[in-house]
Amino acid sequence: MQGDPGFFGPDSVTWQVNREFTVLFGGARALLMHAAHPLVSAGARQTAMYQRDPWARLIRTLSLQNAVTFGTRAEAQQAADRINKLHRIVKGDDEVTGDYYDALAPDLLLWVHACLEVSSVWFFNRTVRPLQPDELERYHQESLIAAELVLLEREQVPPTYGDLEDYVEGVLNGGALVRTDVSDNVAELIRSGPVPAALKPLWQFISFAAFGTLPRQLHEMYEVEWSPAKQRLLDFNLRLLNEVRPWLPQRFRWIGPARWAAARLGGISS
């Protein structure tokens, strides 16, 4: 499997986007968006995830994305199978809304998938470079492979990236997102929870950016006290990251799984 590029490979837009360290910031933003959906939160409550290990969901989400993007086909499939096995038992009646939830329900899988995709694009556009329209469409079409691995059929995903953004906006405005004990736990985790040692030097900014870049509707739900001054500070830091990035060594620009995959394929640089 030494030369197996996996499902994507270095010429894909998915590889180019997901390898960037700053795109990981989108994971925290996506987690806040996930937790705003009460039926997604119901599954987290069932597994007591945030009580036992508050970082489990974020790490699991990012680990799956990295395995699918940079792993061999076998590694990607194994990672997806582990998640699918867990999701098969996550179901029941939500104590907040009274609705039935199922972690394999297409609407819940789609919300989780869409939040991570749009959040990754958001941070790539502002800290690396703006994706061109054709690149956005390639990224979206490539993402359908990842969706299928976690049992979300491509016919259940909006056909274009613009449609995906419209879908997210529709959910934000549709009244389905509500504050719950789980969303409060996630917000507290992102704000001031116990941070893994490797993330401590950067976490204050990651948290600031995660909350600051949330859609307006979620600013209100999470009671984010935002101001023009904070927006200017966020914009300044994002521009600074964008300007400094090209001068940094690869080990500071690319996440570990991307560097290891490049080495597996014989060394790739850009």
C-alpha atoms as a PDB file:
ATOM      1  CA  MET A   1       0.000   0.000   0.000  1.00  0.00           C
ATOM      2  CA  GLN A   2       3.100   2.208   0.020  1.00  0.00           C
ATOM      3  CA  GLY A   3       2.102   4.114  -3.125  1.00  0.00           C
ATOM      4  CA  ASP A   4      -1.677   4.052  -2.629  1.00  0.00           C
ATOM      5  CA  PRO A   5      -2.927   7.681  -2.901  1.00  0.00           C
ATOM      6  CA  GLY A   6      -6.281   6.752  -1.361  1.00  0.00           C
ATOM      7  CA  PHE A   7      -9.579   8.095  -2.638  1.00  0.00           C
ATOM      8  CA  PHE A   8      -8.200  11.522  -3.572  1.00  0.00           C
ATOM      9  CA  GLY A   9      -4.468  11.987  -4.021  1.00  0.00           C
ATOM     10  CA  PRO A  10      -2.338  15.139  -4.121  1.00  0.00           C
ATOM     11  CA  ASP A  11      -3.909  16.517  -7.308  1.00  0.00           C
ATOM     12  CA  SER A  12      -7.363  16.705  -5.738  1.00  0.00           C
ATOM     13  CA  VAL A  13      -8.807  19.909  -4.296  1.00  0.00           C
ATOM     14  CA  THR A  14      -9.760  17.917  -1.192  1.00  0.00           C
ATOM     15  CA  TRP A  15      -6.102  17.127  -0.532  1.00  0.00           C
ATOM     16  CA  GLN A  16      -5.053  20.750  -1.116  1.00  0.00           C
ATOM     17  CA  VAL A  17      -7.716  22.132   1.221  1.00  0.00           C
ATOM     18  CA  ASN A  18      -7.686  19.594   4.036  1.00  0.00           C
ATOM     19  CA  ARG A  19      -3.896  19.496   4.403  1.00  0.00           C
ATOM     20  CA  GLU A  20      -3.763  23.102   5.631  1.00  0.00           C
ATOM     21  CA  PHE A  21      -3.277  23.518   9.359  1.00  0.00           C
ATOM     22  CA  THR A  22      -5.522  26.579   9.510  1.00  0.00           C
ATOM     23  CA  VAL A  23      -8.408  24.619   7.965  1.00  0.00           C
ATOM     24  CA  LEU A  24      -8.492  22.619  11.209  1.00  0.00           C
ATOM     25  CA  PHE A  25      -9.893  25.762  12.835  1.00  0.00           C
ATOM     26  CA  GLY A  26     -13.053  24.997  10.898  1.00  0.00           C
ATOM     27  CA  GLY A  27     -13.470  21.839  12.954  1.00  0.00           C
ATOM     28  CA  ALA A  28     -14.260  23.846  16.089  1.00  0.00           C
ATOM     29  CA  ARG A  29     -16.707  26.023  14.132  1.00  0.00           C
ATOM     30  CA  ALA A  30     -18.382  22.950  12.649  1.00  0.00           C
ATOM     31  CA  LEU A  31     -18.681  21.354  16.097  1.00  0.00           C
ATOM     32  CA  LEU A  32     -20.607  24.386  17.361  1.00  0.00           C
ATOM     33  CA  MET A  33     -22.884  24.158  14.324  1.00  0.00           C
ATOM     34  CA  HIS A  34     -23.422  20.421  14.850  1.00  0.00           C
ATOM     35  CA  ALA A  35     -24.343  20.924  18.499  1.00  0.00           C
ATOM     36  CA  ALA A  36     -26.965  23.516  17.572  1.00  0.00           C
ATOM     37  CA  HIS A  37     -29.073  20.754  16.007  1.00  0.00           C
ATOM     38  CA  PRO A  38     -31.012  19.109  18.857  1.00  0.00           C
ATOM     39  CA  LEU A  39     -31.178  15.686  17.201  1.00  0.00           C
ATOM     40  CA  VAL A  40     -27.430  15.647  16.609  1.00  0.00           C
ATOM     41  CA  SER A  41     -27.004  16.697  20.231  1.00  0.00           C
ATOM     42  CA  ALA A  42     -29.363  13.920  21.323  1.00  0.00           C
ATOM     43  CA  GLY A  43     -26.944  11.346  20.000  1.00  0.00           C
ATOM     44  CA  ALA A  44     -24.080  12.967  21.900  1.00  0.00           C
ATOM     45  CA  ARG A  45     -26.213  12.961  25.042  1.00  0.00           C
ATOM     46  CA  GLN A  46     -26.998   9.261  24.609  1.00  0.00           C
ATOM     47  CA  THR A  47     -23.334   8.341  24.470  1.00  0.00           C
ATOM     48  CA  ALA A  48     -22.458  10.791  27.299  1.00  0.00           C
ATOM     49  CA  MET A  49     -19.601  11.817  25.053  1.00  0.00           C
ATOM     50  CA  TYR A  50     -19.028  15.297  26.414  1.00  0.00           C
ATOM     51  CA  GLN A  51     -19.158  14.138  30.012  1.00  0.00           C
ATOM     52  CA  ARG A  52     -16.668  11.267  29.550  1.00  0.00           C
ATOM     53  CA  ASP A  53     -14.310  12.832  27.031  1.00  0.00           C
ATOM     54  CA  PRO A  54     -15.175  16.363  25.909  1.00  0.00           C
ATOM     55  CA  TRP A  55     -12.753  16.203  22.981  1.00  0.00           C
ATOM     56  CA  ALA A  56     -13.981  12.890  21.593  1.00  0.00           C
ATOM     57  CA  ARG A  57     -16.417  14.298  19.017  1.00  0.00           C
ATOM     58  CA  LEU A  58     -14.035  16.916  17.609  1.00  0.00           C
ATOM     59  CA  ILE A  59     -11.092  14.521  17.465  1.00  0.00           C
ATOM     60  CA  ARG A  60     -13.223  11.776  15.928  1.00  0.00           C
ATOM     61  CA  THR A  61     -14.592  14.126  13.264  1.00  0.00           C
ATOM     62  CA  LEU A  62     -11.150  15.426  12.302  1.00  0.00           C
ATOM     63  CA  SER A  63      -9.587  11.956  12.454  1.00  0.00           C
ATOM     64  CA  LEU A  64     -12.192  10.633  10.049  1.00  0.00           C
ATOM     65  CA  GLN A  65     -11.646  13.556   7.672  1.00  0.00           C
ATOM     66  CA  ASN A  66      -7.884  13.027   7.765  1.00  0.00           C
ATOM     67  CA  ALA A  67      -8.091   9.264   7.294  1.00  0.00           C
ATOM     68  CA  VAL A  68     -10.470   9.612   4.352  1.00  0.00           C
ATOM     69  CA  THR A  69      -8.394  12.367   2.736  1.00  0.00           C
ATOM     70  CA  PHE A  70      -4.844  11.173   3.335  1.00  0.00           C
ATOM     71  CA  GLY A  71      -5.090   7.492   4.184  1.00  0.00           C
ATOM     72  CA  THR A  72      -4.957   4.571   1.822  1.00  0.00           C
ATOM     73  CA  ARG A  73      -8.308   3.288   0.575  1.00  0.00           C
ATOM     74  CA  ALA A  74      -8.189   0.537   3.183  1.00  0.00           C
ATOM     75  CA  GLU A  75      -7.435   2.998   6.000  1.00  0.00           C
ATOM     76  CA  ALA A  76     -10.222   5.333   4.866  1.00  0.00           C
ATOM     77  CA  GLN A  77     -12.739   2.500   4.704  1.00  0.00           C
ATOM     78  CA  GLN A  78     -11.706   1.187   8.127  1.00  0.00           C
ATOM     79  CA  ALA A  79     -12.110   4.661   9.677  1.00  0.00           C
ATOM     80  CA  ALA A  80     -15.550   5.062   8.113  1.00  0.00           C
ATOM     81  CA  ASP A  81     -16.610   1.581   9.198  1.00  0.00           C
ATOM     82  CA  ARG A  82     -15.752   2.382  12.823  1.00  0.00           C
ATOM     83  CA  ILE A  83     -17.917   5.505  12.744  1.00  0.00           C
ATOM     84  CA  ASN A  84     -20.771   3.694  10.983  1.00  0.00           C
ATOM     85  CA  LYS A  85     -20.687   0.902  13.561  1.00  0.00           C
ATOM     86  CA  LEU A  86     -21.046   3.426  16.378  1.00  0.00           C
ATOM     87  CA  HIS A  87     -23.815   5.322  14.580  1.00  0.00           C
ATOM     88  CA  ARG A  88     -25.931   2.179  14.163  1.00  0.00           C
ATOM     89  CA  ILE A  89     -26.713   2.086  17.882  1.00  0.00           C
ATOM     90  CA  VAL A  90     -27.215   5.838  18.369  1.00  0.00           C
ATOM     91  CA  LYS A  91     -30.977   6.289  18.169  1.00  0.00           C
ATOM     92  CA  GLY A  92     -33.956   7.003  20.399  1.00  0.00           C
ATOM     93  CA  ASP A  93     -36.380   9.711  21.492  1.00  0.00           C
ATOM     94  CA  ASP A  94     -34.943  13.165  22.053  1.00  0.00           C
ATOM     95  CA  GLU A  95     -35.753  14.470  25.521  1.00  0.00           C
ATOM     96  CA  VAL A  96     -35.682  18.098  24.336  1.00  0.00           C
ATOM     97  CA  THR A  97     -37.884  18.035  21.230  1.00  0.00           C
ATOM     98  CA  GLY A  98     -39.655  14.710  21.725  1.00  0.00           C
ATOM     99  CA  ASP A  99     -38.649  13.740  18.180  1.00  0.00           C
ATOM    100  CA  TYR A 100     -37.059  10.452  17.210  1.00  0.00           C
ATOM    101  CA  TYR A 101     -33.391  10.622  16.263  1.00  0.00           C
ATOM    102  CA  ASP A 102     -31.169   8.198  14.419  1.00  0.00           C
ATOM    103  CA  ALA A 103     -27.493   8.955  13.810  1.00  0.00           C
ATOM    104  CA  LEU A 104     -27.792   7.333  10.373  1.00  0.00           C
ATOM    105  CA  ALA A 105     -30.767   9.455   9.329  1.00  0.00           C
ATOM    106  CA  PRO A 106     -29.877  11.252   6.068  1.00  0.00           C
ATOM    107  CA  ASP A 107     -30.933  14.683   7.333  1.00  0.00           C
ATOM    108  CA  LEU A 108     -28.617  14.444  10.361  1.00  0.00           C
ATOM    109  CA  LEU A 109     -25.727  13.024   8.333  1.00  0.00           C
ATOM    110  CA  LEU A 110     -26.176  15.835   5.844  1.00  0.00           C
ATOM    111  CA  TRP A 111     -26.104  18.565   8.499  1.00  0.00           C
ATOM    112  CA  VAL A 112     -22.883  17.179   9.972  1.00  0.00           C
ATOM    113  CA  HIS A 113     -21.330  16.790   6.517  1.00  0.00           C
ATOM    114  CA  ALA A 114     -22.371  20.254   5.305  1.00  0.00           C
ATOM    115  CA  CYS A 115     -21.165  22.107   8.413  1.00  0.00           C
ATOM    116  CA  LEU A 116     -17.689  20.629   8.100  1.00  0.00           C
ATOM    117  CA  GLU A 117     -17.492  21.282   4.356  1.00  0.00           C
ATOM    118  CA  VAL A 118     -18.546  24.937   4.493  1.00  0.00           C
ATOM    119  CA  SER A 119     -16.383  25.595   7.568  1.00  0.00           C
ATOM    120  CA  SER A 120     -13.312  24.092   5.884  1.00  0.00           C
ATOM    121  CA  VAL A 121     -13.895  26.222   2.794  1.00  0.00           C
ATOM    122  CA  TRP A 122     -14.429  29.328   4.926  1.00  0.00           C
ATOM    123  CA  PHE A 123     -11.042  29.065   6.618  1.00  0.00           C
ATOM    124  CA  PHE A 124      -9.181  28.003   3.482  1.00  0.00           C
ATOM    125  CA  ASN A 125     -10.522  31.006   1.579  1.00  0.00           C
ATOM    126  CA  ARG A 126      -9.350  33.433   4.227  1.00  0.00           C
ATOM    127  CA  THR A 127      -6.090  31.948   5.443  1.00  0.00           C
ATOM    128  CA  VAL A 128      -4.688  30.359   2.258  1.00  0.00           C
ATOM    129  CA  ARG A 129      -6.338  31.727  -0.905  1.00  0.00           C
ATOM    130  CA  PRO A 130      -9.846  32.042  -2.346  1.00  0.00           C
ATOM    131  CA  LEU A 131     -10.958  28.922  -4.144  1.00  0.00           C
ATOM    132  CA  GLN A 132     -12.053  29.557  -7.723  1.00  0.00           C
ATOM    133  CA  PRO A 133     -15.627  28.580  -8.679  1.00  0.00           C
ATOM    134  CA  ASP A 134     -14.459  25.475 -10.555  1.00  0.00           C
ATOM    135  CA  GLU A 135     -12.317  24.447  -7.559  1.00  0.00           C
ATOM    136  CA  LEU A 136     -15.269  24.860  -5.211  1.00  0.00           C
ATOM    137  CA  GLU A 137     -17.315  22.551  -7.415  1.00  0.00           C
ATOM    138  CA  ARG A 138     -14.496  20.008  -7.586  1.00  0.00           C
ATOM    139  CA  TYR A 139     -14.164  20.112  -3.803  1.00  0.00           C
ATOM    140  CA  HIS A 140     -17.886  19.582  -3.434  1.00  0.00           C
ATOM    141  CA  GLN A 141     -18.013  16.731  -5.930  1.00  0.00           C
ATOM    142  CA  GLU A 142     -15.019  15.072  -4.282  1.00  0.00           C
ATOM    143  CA  SER A 143     -16.728  15.421  -0.903  1.00  0.00           C
ATOM    144  CA  LEU A 144     -19.458  13.107  -2.121  1.00  0.00           C
ATOM    145  CA  ILE A 145     -16.965  10.245  -1.847  1.00  0.00           C
ATOM    146  CA  ALA A 146     -16.492  11.035   1.840  1.00  0.00           C
ATOM    147  CA  ALA A 147     -20.271  11.302   2.262  1.00  0.00           C
ATOM    148  CA  GLU A 148     -20.826   7.865   0.759  1.00  0.00           C
ATOM    149  CA  LEU A 149     -18.239   6.330   3.076  1.00  0.00           C
ATOM    150  CA  VAL A 150     -20.366   7.379   6.069  1.00  0.00           C
ATOM    151  CA  LEU A 151     -23.549   6.082   4.402  1.00  0.00           C
ATOM    152  CA  LEU A 152     -24.869   9.383   3.063  1.00  0.00           C
ATOM    153  CA  GLU A 153     -25.827   8.756  -0.550  1.00  0.00           C
ATOM    154  CA  ARG A 154     -24.727  11.381  -3.051  1.00  0.00           C
ATOM    155  CA  GLU A 155     -28.323  11.828  -4.223  1.00  0.00           C
ATOM    156  CA  GLN A 156     -29.130  13.064  -0.698  1.00  0.00           C
ATOM    157  CA  VAL A 157     -26.527  15.867  -0.883  1.00  0.00           C
ATOM    158  CA  PRO A 158     -27.255  19.175  -2.678  1.00  0.00           C
ATOM    159  CA  PRO A 159     -25.757  18.838  -6.172  1.00  0.00           C
ATOM    160  CA  THR A 160     -23.546  21.962  -6.176  1.00  0.00           C
ATOM    161  CA  TYR A 161     -21.555  23.886  -3.591  1.00  0.00           C
ATOM    162  CA  GLY A 162     -23.891  26.850  -3.981  1.00  0.00           C
ATOM    163  CA  ASP A 163     -26.835  24.544  -3.295  1.00  0.00           C
ATOM    164  CA  LEU A 164     -25.058  23.262  -0.189  1.00  0.00           C
ATOM    165  CA  GLU A 165     -24.662  26.815   1.109  1.00  0.00           C
ATOM    166  CA  ASP A 166     -28.352  27.431   0.408  1.00  0.00           C
ATOM    167  CA  TYR A 167     -29.209  24.267   2.333  1.00  0.00           C
ATOM    168  CA  VAL A 168     -27.177  25.430   5.354  1.00  0.00           C
ATOM    169  CA  GLU A 169     -28.833  28.844   5.227  1.00  0.00           C
ATOM    170  CA  GLY A 170     -32.231  27.169   5.042  1.00  0.00           C
ATOM    171  CA  VAL A 171     -31.552  25.130   8.181  1.00  0.00           C
ATOM    172  CA  LEU A 172     -30.250  28.213   9.988  1.00  0.00           C
ATOM    173  CA  ASN A 173     -33.453  30.088   9.180  1.00  0.00           C
ATOM    174  CA  GLY A 174     -35.817  27.146   9.495  1.00  0.00           C
ATOM    175  CA  GLY A 175     -36.239  27.047  13.270  1.00  0.00           C
ATOM    176  CA  ALA A 176     -34.776  23.554  13.734  1.00  0.00           C
ATOM    177  CA  LEU A 177     -31.721  24.705  15.683  1.00  0.00           C
ATOM    178  CA  VAL A 178     -32.180  25.216  19.409  1.00  0.00           C
ATOM    179  CA  ARG A 179     -30.095  25.662  22.522  1.00  0.00           C
ATOM    180  CA  THR A 180     -29.741  22.533  24.647  1.00  0.00           C
ATOM    181  CA  ASP A 181     -27.622  21.249  27.491  1.00  0.00           C
ATOM    182  CA  VAL A 182     -25.316  19.658  24.914  1.00  0.00           C
ATOM    183  CA  SER A 183     -24.872  22.870  22.912  1.00  0.00           C
ATOM    184  CA  ASP A 184     -24.086  24.662  26.178  1.00  0.00           C
ATOM    185  CA  ASN A 185     -21.502  21.980  27.030  1.00  0.00           C
ATOM    186  CA  VAL A 186     -19.904  22.298  23.606  1.00  0.00           C
ATOM    187  CA  ALA A 187     -19.807  26.084  23.837  1.00  0.00           C
ATOM    188  CA  GLU A 188     -18.145  25.865  27.244  1.00  0.00           C
ATOM    189  CA  LEU A 189     -15.661  23.359  25.876  1.00  0.00           C
ATOM    190  CA  ILE A 190     -14.720  25.660  22.989  1.00  0.00           C
ATOM    191  CA  ARG A 191     -14.563  28.709  25.246  1.00  0.00           C
ATOM    192  CA  SER A 192     -12.605  27.396  28.196  1.00  0.00           C
ATOM    193  CA  GLY A 193     -12.685  23.618  28.438  1.00  0.00           C
ATOM    194  CA  PRO A 194      -9.630  21.448  29.134  1.00  0.00           C
ATOM    195  CA  VAL A 195      -7.457  21.817  26.043  1.00  0.00           C
ATOM    196  CA  PRO A 196      -5.033  19.131  24.819  1.00  0.00           C
ATOM    197  CA  ALA A 197      -1.462  20.249  25.466  1.00  0.00           C
ATOM    198  CA  ALA A 198      -0.601  20.428  21.769  1.00  0.00           C
ATOM    199  CA  LEU A 199      -3.394  22.941  21.181  1.00  0.00           C
ATOM    200  CA  LYS A 200      -2.936  25.209  24.189  1.00  0.00           C
ATOM    201  CA  PRO A 201      -0.681  27.806  22.496  1.00  0.00           C
ATOM    202  CA  LEU A 202      -3.255  28.368  19.732  1.00  0.00           C
ATOM    203  CA  TRP A 203      -6.540  27.632  21.423  1.00  0.00           C
ATOM    204  CA  GLN A 204      -7.442  31.169  22.446  1.00  0.00           C
ATOM    205  CA  PHE A 205      -7.404  32.233  18.804  1.00  0.00           C
ATOM    206  CA  ILE A 206      -9.099  29.046  17.555  1.00  0.00           C
ATOM    207  CA  SER A 207     -11.917  29.622  20.042  1.00  0.00           C
ATOM    208  CA  PHE A 208     -12.166  33.302  19.125  1.00  0.00           C
ATOM    209  CA  ALA A 209     -12.317  32.455  15.418  1.00  0.00           C
ATOM    210  CA  ALA A 210     -14.769  29.589  15.873  1.00  0.00           C
ATOM    211  CA  PHE A 211     -17.325  31.779  17.630  1.00  0.00           C
ATOM    212  CA  GLY A 212     -16.585  34.884  15.577  1.00  0.00           C
ATOM    213  CA  THR A 213     -17.152  33.182  12.230  1.00  0.00           C
ATOM    214  CA  LEU A 214     -20.430  31.509  13.174  1.00  0.00           C
ATOM    215  CA  PRO A 215     -23.491  32.540  11.173  1.00  0.00           C
ATOM    216  CA  ARG A 216     -25.488  35.391  12.677  1.00  0.00           C
ATOM    217  CA  GLN A 217     -28.268  33.066  13.829  1.00  0.00           C
ATOM    218  CA  LEU A 218     -25.842  31.060  15.956  1.00  0.00           C
ATOM    219  CA  HIS A 219     -24.262  34.190  17.409  1.00  0.00           C
ATOM    220  CA  GLU A 220     -27.680  34.798  18.910  1.00  0.00           C
ATOM    221  CA  MET A 221     -28.168  31.218  20.089  1.00  0.00           C
ATOM    222  CA  TYR A 222     -24.754  30.999  21.720  1.00  0.00           C
ATOM    223  CA  GLU A 223     -25.046  34.554  23.089  1.00  0.00           C
ATOM    224  CA  VAL A 224     -21.814  35.616  21.428  1.00  0.00           C
ATOM    225  CA  GLU A 225     -20.993  39.197  22.377  1.00  0.00           C
ATOM    226  CA  TRP A 226     -19.596  40.402  19.091  1.00  0.00           C
ATOM    227  CA  SER A 227     -18.644  43.940  18.109  1.00  0.00           C
ATOM    228  CA  PRO A 228     -17.063  45.858  15.207  1.00  0.00           C
ATOM    229  CA  ALA A 229     -13.815  45.946  17.190  1.00  0.00           C
ATOM    230  CA  LYS A 230     -13.772  42.163  17.561  1.00  0.00           C
ATOM    231  CA  GLN A 231     -14.550  41.791  13.874  1.00  0.00           C
ATOM    232  CA  ARG A 232     -11.623  44.033  12.980  1.00  0.00           C
ATOM    233  CA  LEU A 233      -9.341  42.021  15.268  1.00  0.00           C
ATOM    234  CA  LEU A 234     -10.484  38.753  13.679  1.00  0.00           C
ATOM    235  CA  ASP A 235     -10.035  40.133  10.164  1.00  0.00           C
ATOM    236  CA  PHE A 236      -6.552  41.401  11.018  1.00  0.00           C
ATOM    237  CA  ASN A 237      -5.443  38.028  12.383  1.00  0.00           C
ATOM    238  CA  LEU A 238      -6.838  36.128   9.414  1.00  0.00           C
ATOM    239  CA  ARG A 239      -5.031  38.475   7.013  1.00  0.00           C
ATOM    240  CA  LEU A 240      -1.848  38.029   9.020  1.00  0.00           C
ATOM    241  CA  LEU A 241      -2.123  34.255   8.797  1.00  0.00           C
ATOM    242  CA  ASN A 242      -2.700  34.553   5.070  1.00  0.00           C
ATOM    243  CA  GLU A 243       0.369  36.755   4.565  1.00  0.00           C
ATOM    244  CA  VAL A 244       2.709  34.776   6.816  1.00  0.00           C
ATOM    245  CA  ARG A 245       1.706  31.302   5.649  1.00  0.00           C
ATOM    246  CA  PRO A 246       3.734  31.188   2.370  1.00  0.00           C
ATOM    247  CA  TRP A 247       6.933  31.885   4.308  1.00  0.00           C
ATOM    248  CA  LEU A 248       6.466  29.095   6.838  1.00  0.00           C
ATOM    249  CA  PRO A 249       8.127  25.669   6.529  1.00  0.00           C
ATOM    250  CA  GLN A 250       5.840  22.901   5.359  1.00  0.00           C
ATOM    251  CA  ARG A 251       5.677  21.353   8.842  1.00  0.00           C
ATOM    252  CA  PHE A 252       3.919  24.511  10.079  1.00  0.00           C
ATOM    253  CA  ARG A 253       1.542  24.728   7.106  1.00  0.00           C
ATOM    254  CA  TRP A 254       0.484  21.112   6.622  1.00  0.00           C
ATOM    255  CA  ILE A 255      -1.052  18.848   9.226  1.00  0.00           C
ATOM    256  CA  GLY A 256       0.790  15.670  10.150  1.00  0.00           C
ATOM    257  CA  PRO A 257      -1.391  13.216   8.168  1.00  0.00           C
ATOM    258  CA  ALA A 258      -0.811  15.246   4.992  1.00  0.00           C
ATOM    259  CA  ARG A 259       2.970  15.247   5.472  1.00  0.00           C
ATOM    260  CA  TRP A 260       3.008  11.524   6.192  1.00  0.00           C
ATOM    261  CA  ALA A 261       0.879  10.804   3.135  1.00  0.00           C
ATOM    262  CA  ALA A 262       3.200  12.912   0.994  1.00  0.00           C
ATOM    263  CA  ALA A 263       6.170  10.931   2.295  1.00  0.00           C
ATOM    264  CA  ARG A 264       4.340   7.666   1.558  1.00  0.00           C
ATOM    265  CA  LEU A 265       3.855   8.783  -2.022  1.00  0.00           C
ATOM    266  CA  GLY A 266       7.478   9.689  -2.519  1.00  0.00           C
ATOM    267  CA  GLY A 267       7.622  13.255  -1.261  1.00  0.00           C
ATOM    268  CA  ILE A 268       5.342  16.030  -2.486  1.00  0.00           C
ATOM    269  CA  SER A 269       5.911  19.709  -1.886  1.00  0.00           C
ATOM    270  CA  SER A 270       4.242  22.970  -2.783  1.00  0.00           C
END
